[in-house]
C-alpha cells in the first residue's frame, strides 16, 4: 500500500505541495527503490538497508505474494520518479530478480 500511495502522490500531488513532493522523492527515491529491490531479494520488511543475509531461522523474509507485487510496482515507481526528473538509471534495464527470475 505504501508503494501505491507513493505512486498516487507522485501522479496527483496535493495542491500547493507539488514542489515538496518532488523534493521529498528526489531525496528519498534511491533508498525507496533500493529497499524494494532488497525486499524482493528476501530482506525482512524494515531491514532493507545494510541487511546482512544470514541463515537465522527466526528472521523471515518477505512473502512470495509481496515479492510478486513489488516486482510489478518497482517499474512503475521508477517510471514515476523518472517522469519527475529524478535519476533512476541505476534501477532501469532488464534485470532479473534473483529469487524468482522475473525480468524487472
C-alpha atoms as a PDB file:
ATOM      1  CA  UNK A   1       0.000   0.000   0.000  1.00  0.00           C
ATOM      2  CA  UNK A   2       2.884   2.352   0.691  1.00  0.00           C
ATOM      3  CA  UNK A   3       4.207   1.968  -2.854  1.00  0.00           C
ATOM      4  CA  UNK A   4       0.746   2.557  -4.288  1.00  0.00           C
ATOM      5  CA  UNK A   5       0.392   5.669  -2.112  1.00  0.00           C
ATOM      6  CA  UNK A   6       3.741   6.945  -3.393  1.00  0.00           C
ATOM      7  CA  UNK A   7       2.633   6.417  -6.985  1.00  0.00           C
ATOM      8  CA  UNK A   8      -0.629   8.255  -6.385  1.00  0.00           C
ATOM      9  CA  UNK A   9       1.140  11.141  -4.614  1.00  0.00           C
ATOM     10  CA  UNK A  10       3.635  11.475  -7.453  1.00  0.00           C
ATOM     11  CA  UNK A  11       0.884  11.467 -10.077  1.00  0.00           C
ATOM     12  CA  UNK A  12      -1.501  13.746  -8.179  1.00  0.00           C
ATOM     13  CA  UNK A  13       0.365  15.698  -5.512  1.00  0.00           C
ATOM     14  CA  UNK A  14      -1.752  17.704  -3.065  1.00  0.00           C
ATOM     15  CA  UNK A  15      -2.467  21.212  -4.275  1.00  0.00           C
ATOM     16  CA  UNK A  16       0.254  23.677  -3.257  1.00  0.00           C
ATOM     17  CA  UNK A  17       2.543  20.810  -2.187  1.00  0.00           C
ATOM     18  CA  UNK A  18       3.816  19.835  -5.635  1.00  0.00           C
ATOM     19  CA  UNK A  19       7.349  21.133  -5.010  1.00  0.00           C
ATOM     20  CA  UNK A  20       7.525  19.481  -1.601  1.00  0.00           C
ATOM     21  CA  UNK A  21       6.533  16.126  -3.106  1.00  0.00           C
ATOM     22  CA  UNK A  22       9.211  16.412  -5.811  1.00  0.00           C
ATOM     23  CA  UNK A  23      11.858  17.466  -3.284  1.00  0.00           C
ATOM     24  CA  UNK A  24      10.964  14.631  -0.917  1.00  0.00           C
ATOM     25  CA  UNK A  25      11.071  11.931  -3.579  1.00  0.00           C
ATOM     26  CA  UNK A  26      14.221  13.387  -5.154  1.00  0.00           C
ATOM     27  CA  UNK A  27      15.952  12.924  -1.800  1.00  0.00           C
ATOM     28  CA  UNK A  28      14.435   9.538  -0.968  1.00  0.00           C
ATOM     29  CA  UNK A  29      13.923   7.779  -4.320  1.00  0.00           C
ATOM     30  CA  UNK A  30      17.218   5.884  -4.310  1.00  0.00           C
ATOM     31  CA  UNK A  31      16.581   4.490  -0.810  1.00  0.00           C
ATOM     32  CA  UNK A  32      12.988   3.611  -1.691  1.00  0.00           C
ATOM     33  CA  UNK A  33      13.978   1.742  -4.845  1.00  0.00           C
ATOM     34  CA  UNK A  34      16.904   0.026  -3.142  1.00  0.00           C
ATOM     35  CA  UNK A  35      14.617  -1.123  -0.310  1.00  0.00           C
ATOM     36  CA  UNK A  36      12.131  -2.529  -2.835  1.00  0.00           C
ATOM     37  CA  UNK A  37      14.904  -4.495  -4.540  1.00  0.00           C
ATOM     38  CA  UNK A  38      16.217  -5.790  -1.199  1.00  0.00           C
ATOM     39  CA  UNK A  39      12.715  -6.890  -0.149  1.00  0.00           C
ATOM     40  CA  UNK A  40      12.353  -8.704  -3.455  1.00  0.00           C
ATOM     41  CA  UNK A  41      15.634 -10.469  -2.688  1.00  0.00           C
ATOM     42  CA  UNK A  42      14.410 -11.635   0.717  1.00  0.00           C
ATOM     43  CA  UNK A  43      15.259  -8.907   3.223  1.00  0.00           C
ATOM     44  CA  UNK A  44      12.684  -8.661   6.020  1.00  0.00           C
ATOM     45  CA  UNK A  45      10.483  -5.578   5.707  1.00  0.00           C
ATOM     46  CA  UNK A  46      12.077  -2.758   7.680  1.00  0.00           C
ATOM     47  CA  UNK A  47      15.568  -4.220   7.341  1.00  0.00           C
ATOM     48  CA  UNK A  48      16.480  -3.475   3.741  1.00  0.00           C
ATOM     49  CA  UNK A  49      19.307  -1.006   4.285  1.00  0.00           C
ATOM     50  CA  UNK A  50      22.536  -2.728   5.373  1.00  0.00           C
ATOM     51  CA  UNK A  51      20.692  -6.041   5.712  1.00  0.00           C
ATOM     52  CA  UNK A  52      23.052  -8.951   6.168  1.00  0.00           C
ATOM     53  CA  UNK A  53      21.694 -12.194   4.743  1.00  0.00           C
ATOM     54  CA  UNK A  54      22.020 -14.919   7.339  1.00  0.00           C
ATOM     55  CA  UNK A  55      20.611 -18.322   7.939  1.00  0.00           C
ATOM     56  CA  UNK A  56      18.735 -17.081  11.024  1.00  0.00           C
ATOM     57  CA  UNK A  57      15.637 -19.260  11.374  1.00  0.00           C
ATOM     58  CA  UNK A  58      13.786 -16.501  13.254  1.00  0.00           C
ATOM     59  CA  UNK A  59      14.345 -13.874  10.552  1.00  0.00           C
ATOM     60  CA  UNK A  60      11.569 -14.188   7.983  1.00  0.00           C
ATOM     61  CA  UNK A  61      11.899 -12.575   4.591  1.00  0.00           C
ATOM     62  CA  UNK A  62       9.073 -11.152   2.552  1.00  0.00           C
ATOM     63  CA  UNK A  63       6.247 -13.393   1.358  1.00  0.00           C
ATOM     64  CA  UNK A  64       6.121 -14.585  -2.229  1.00  0.00           C
ATOM     65  CA  UNK A  65       2.971 -12.542  -2.864  1.00  0.00           C
ATOM     66  CA  UNK A  66       4.686  -9.403  -1.558  1.00  0.00           C
ATOM     67  CA  UNK A  67       7.714 -10.037  -3.788  1.00  0.00           C
ATOM     68  CA  UNK A  68       5.497 -10.512  -6.841  1.00  0.00           C
ATOM     69  CA  UNK A  69       3.592  -7.300  -6.074  1.00  0.00           C
ATOM     70  CA  UNK A  70       6.875  -5.397  -5.683  1.00  0.00           C
ATOM     71  CA  UNK A  71       8.127  -6.794  -8.990  1.00  0.00           C
ATOM     72  CA  UNK A  72       5.090  -5.194 -10.622  1.00  0.00           C
ATOM     73  CA  UNK A  73       5.289  -1.919  -8.702  1.00  0.00           C
ATOM     74  CA  UNK A  74       9.036  -1.296  -8.966  1.00  0.00           C
ATOM     75  CA  UNK A  75       8.991  -0.428 -12.700  1.00  0.00           C
ATOM     76  CA  UNK A  76       6.030   1.891 -12.094  1.00  0.00           C
ATOM     77  CA  UNK A  77       7.896   3.667  -9.298  1.00  0.00           C
ATOM     78  CA  UNK A  78      10.987   4.030 -11.487  1.00  0.00           C
ATOM     79  CA  UNK A  79       8.833   5.450 -14.284  1.00  0.00           C
ATOM     80  CA  UNK A  80       7.017   7.847 -11.929  1.00  0.00           C
ATOM     81  CA  UNK A  81      10.287   9.099 -10.401  1.00  0.00           C
ATOM     82  CA  UNK A  82      11.880   9.443 -13.837  1.00  0.00           C
ATOM     83  CA  UNK A  83       8.892  11.398 -15.158  1.00  0.00           C
ATOM     84  CA  UNK A  84       9.566  13.971 -12.410  1.00  0.00           C
ATOM     85  CA  UNK A  85      13.200  14.313 -13.487  1.00  0.00           C
ATOM     86  CA  UNK A  86      14.625  12.043 -10.802  1.00  0.00           C
ATOM     87  CA  UNK A  87      17.597   9.985 -11.990  1.00  0.00           C
ATOM     88  CA  UNK A  88      16.753   6.287 -11.706  1.00  0.00           C
ATOM     89  CA  UNK A  89      19.124   4.916 -14.365  1.00  0.00           C
ATOM     90  CA  UNK A  90      20.636   2.584 -11.800  1.00  0.00           C
ATOM     91  CA  UNK A  91      17.268   0.820 -11.496  1.00  0.00           C
ATOM     92  CA  UNK A  92      16.386   0.676 -15.180  1.00  0.00           C
ATOM     93  CA  UNK A  93      17.065  -2.076 -17.608  1.00  0.00           C
ATOM     94  CA  UNK A  94      16.377  -5.753 -17.928  1.00  0.00           C
ATOM     95  CA  UNK A  95      17.485  -7.174 -14.594  1.00  0.00           C
ATOM     96  CA  UNK A  96      16.298 -10.446 -13.196  1.00  0.00           C
ATOM     97  CA  UNK A  97      15.093 -10.822  -9.677  1.00  0.00           C
ATOM     98  CA  UNK A  98      17.420 -13.351  -8.042  1.00  0.00           C
ATOM     99  CA  UNK A  99      14.701 -15.360  -6.287  1.00  0.00           C
ATOM    100  CA  UNK A 100      12.052 -15.641  -8.997  1.00  0.00           C
ATOM    101  CA  UNK A 101      13.905 -14.901 -12.264  1.00  0.00           C
ATOM    102  CA  UNK A 102      11.276 -12.278 -13.199  1.00  0.00           C
ATOM    103  CA  UNK A 103      12.714  -9.665 -15.542  1.00  0.00           C
ATOM    104  CA  UNK A 104      12.420  -6.252 -13.927  1.00  0.00           C
END
